[in-house]
């Protein structure tokens, strides 16, 4: 695994920053077993549980709600993790977020997540439409 040492030994980021990036990527890729290893690495690098939660929550717009729930389950345990993601995301629904004027599509993602918490059948339809829209320029 010499290549791994070469990558992790680079000087561009601190170990803490590398672990944050890795947790974000593994969350989006839905690699739960690898995430568990990096949650331990995160703790060893000085990340708090709350910081790792926030990294997962930030990945929702890019990886989707189900992947964030899976990542949170790995961090916190099955039911508690899903409830934590749901509570944080549903709190966004009534808020104007700072990036809304710059990036209009996250507004749709937040709305889809809110609806998915309430009505899964409607959320599936909305997700299909969002996926089609996201792939267009």
Protein backbone atom coordinates (compact mmCIF):
# COMPACT_ATOMS: atom_id res chain seq x y z
CA UNK A 1 0.00 0.00 0.00
CA UNK A 2 2.87 2.32 -0.77
CA UNK A 3 0.66 4.49 -3.00
CA UNK A 4 -1.67 5.06 -0.03
CA UNK A 5 1.22 6.35 2.05
CA UNK A 6 2.27 8.59 -0.83
CA UNK A 7 -1.20 10.13 -1.05
CA UNK A 8 -1.74 10.53 2.69
CA UNK A 9 1.81 11.78 3.16
CA UNK A 10 1.36 14.80 0.89
CA UNK A 11 1.66 18.23 2.50
CA UNK A 12 -1.32 20.05 0.92
CA UNK A 13 -3.82 19.22 3.69
CA UNK A 14 -3.62 18.44 7.38
CA UNK A 15 -4.59 14.95 8.48
CA UNK A 16 -7.80 16.41 9.93
CA UNK A 17 -8.69 17.99 6.56
CA UNK A 18 -7.91 14.72 4.76
CA UNK A 19 -10.25 12.80 7.03
CA UNK A 20 -13.02 15.37 6.50
CA UNK A 21 -12.62 15.03 2.72
CA UNK A 22 -12.55 11.24 2.97
CA UNK A 23 -15.69 11.07 5.13
CA UNK A 24 -17.50 13.35 2.67
CA UNK A 25 -16.48 11.24 -0.33
CA UNK A 26 -17.23 7.91 1.31
CA UNK A 27 -20.65 9.23 2.39
CA UNK A 28 -21.52 10.20 -1.18
CA UNK A 29 -20.20 6.87 -2.48
CA UNK A 30 -22.24 5.00 0.17
CA UNK A 31 -19.27 2.95 1.38
CA UNK A 32 -20.44 2.19 4.90
CA UNK A 33 -17.75 -0.24 6.01
CA UNK A 34 -14.98 2.12 4.90
CA UNK A 35 -16.75 5.00 6.65
CA UNK A 36 -16.61 3.18 9.98
CA UNK A 37 -12.83 2.99 9.69
CA UNK A 38 -12.60 6.69 8.87
CA UNK A 39 -14.90 7.66 11.74
CA UNK A 40 -12.25 6.17 14.03
CA UNK A 41 -9.56 7.99 12.04
CA UNK A 42 -11.59 11.20 12.41
CA UNK A 43 -11.69 10.80 16.16
CA UNK A 44 -7.96 10.14 16.19
CA UNK A 45 -7.40 13.26 14.04
CA UNK A 46 -9.30 15.40 16.54
CA UNK A 47 -12.74 15.59 14.90
CA UNK A 48 -15.74 15.62 17.20
CA UNK A 49 -18.81 13.52 16.56
CA UNK A 50 -20.71 16.74 15.79
CA UNK A 51 -18.15 17.75 13.15
CA UNK A 52 -18.40 14.35 11.48
CA UNK A 53 -22.22 14.65 11.54
CA UNK A 54 -21.95 18.01 9.82
CA UNK A 55 -19.69 16.58 7.11
CA UNK A 56 -22.33 13.92 6.41
CA UNK A 57 -25.15 16.47 6.39
CA UNK A 58 -23.22 18.65 3.94
CA UNK A 59 -23.03 15.65 1.58
CA UNK A 60 -26.84 15.38 1.26
CA UNK A 61 -27.08 17.75 -1.72
CA UNK A 62 -24.47 15.76 -3.64
CA UNK A 63 -25.06 12.17 -2.57
CA UNK A 64 -28.71 12.16 -1.60
CA UNK A 65 -30.71 11.66 1.53
CA UNK A 66 -30.53 7.82 1.63
CA UNK A 67 -26.73 7.83 1.48
CA UNK A 68 -26.53 10.43 4.22
CA UNK A 69 -28.79 8.30 6.41
CA UNK A 70 -26.57 5.27 5.81
CA UNK A 71 -23.47 7.26 6.70
CA UNK A 72 -25.11 8.65 9.83
CA UNK A 73 -26.20 5.15 10.83
CA UNK A 74 -22.57 4.10 10.74
CA UNK A 75 -21.61 7.03 12.94
CA UNK A 76 -24.44 6.97 15.44
CA UNK A 77 -26.28 3.68 15.22
CA UNK A 78 -29.20 2.71 13.06
CA UNK A 79 -32.32 4.53 14.27
CA UNK A 80 -30.59 7.44 15.96
CA UNK A 81 -28.58 8.26 12.82
CA UNK A 82 -31.60 8.36 10.52
CA UNK A 83 -33.52 10.53 12.97
CA UNK A 84 -30.60 12.98 13.27
CA UNK A 85 -30.34 13.50 9.50
CA UNK A 86 -34.12 13.86 9.20
CA UNK A 87 -34.31 16.46 11.98
CA UNK A 88 -31.47 18.59 10.61
CA UNK A 89 -32.69 18.47 7.02
CA UNK A 90 -36.32 19.17 7.90
CA UNK A 91 -35.12 22.25 9.79
CA UNK A 92 -33.86 23.68 6.48
CA UNK A 93 -37.31 23.65 4.90
CA UNK A 94 -38.53 26.94 6.35
CA UNK A 95 -35.19 28.73 6.14
CA UNK A 96 -33.58 30.82 3.47
CA UNK A 97 -30.10 29.48 3.04
CA UNK A 98 -27.18 31.76 2.19
CA UNK A 99 -26.37 29.96 -1.06
CA UNK A 100 -29.92 29.96 -2.45
CA UNK A 101 -29.44 33.01 -4.66
CA UNK A 102 -26.22 31.65 -6.10
CA UNK A 103 -27.16 28.00 -6.57
CA UNK A 104 -30.86 27.56 -7.34
CA UNK A 105 -30.86 23.76 -7.59
CA UNK A 106 -30.15 23.06 -3.89
CA UNK A 107 -33.53 24.67 -3.16
CA UNK A 108 -35.12 21.80 -5.07
CA UNK A 109 -33.02 19.26 -3.19
CA UNK A 110 -34.12 20.68 0.17
CA UNK A 111 -37.74 20.61 -0.95
CA UNK A 112 -37.44 17.00 -2.18
CA UNK A 113 -35.93 16.01 1.17
CA UNK A 114 -38.71 17.75 3.08
CA UNK A 115 -41.37 16.04 0.98
CA UNK A 116 -39.60 12.69 1.30
CA UNK A 117 -39.92 12.95 5.05
CA UNK A 118 -43.67 13.44 4.66
CA UNK A 119 -44.69 11.55 1.50
CA UNK A 120 -42.40 9.01 -0.10
CA UNK A 121 -44.53 8.47 -3.24
CA UNK A 122 -44.38 12.17 -4.17
CA UNK A 123 -40.66 12.31 -3.35
CA UNK A 124 -39.86 9.49 -5.79
CA UNK A 125 -41.55 11.39 -8.62
CA UNK A 126 -39.80 14.65 -7.68
CA UNK A 127 -36.42 12.91 -7.45
CA UNK A 128 -36.80 11.54 -10.98
CA UNK A 129 -37.57 15.04 -12.26
CA UNK A 130 -34.63 16.52 -10.35
CA UNK A 131 -32.26 13.86 -11.67
CA UNK A 132 -33.32 14.65 -15.24
CA UNK A 133 -32.93 18.38 -14.62
CA UNK A 134 -29.52 17.91 -13.00
CA UNK A 135 -28.17 16.06 -16.03
CA UNK A 136 -29.25 18.85 -18.38
CA UNK A 137 -27.08 21.99 -18.75
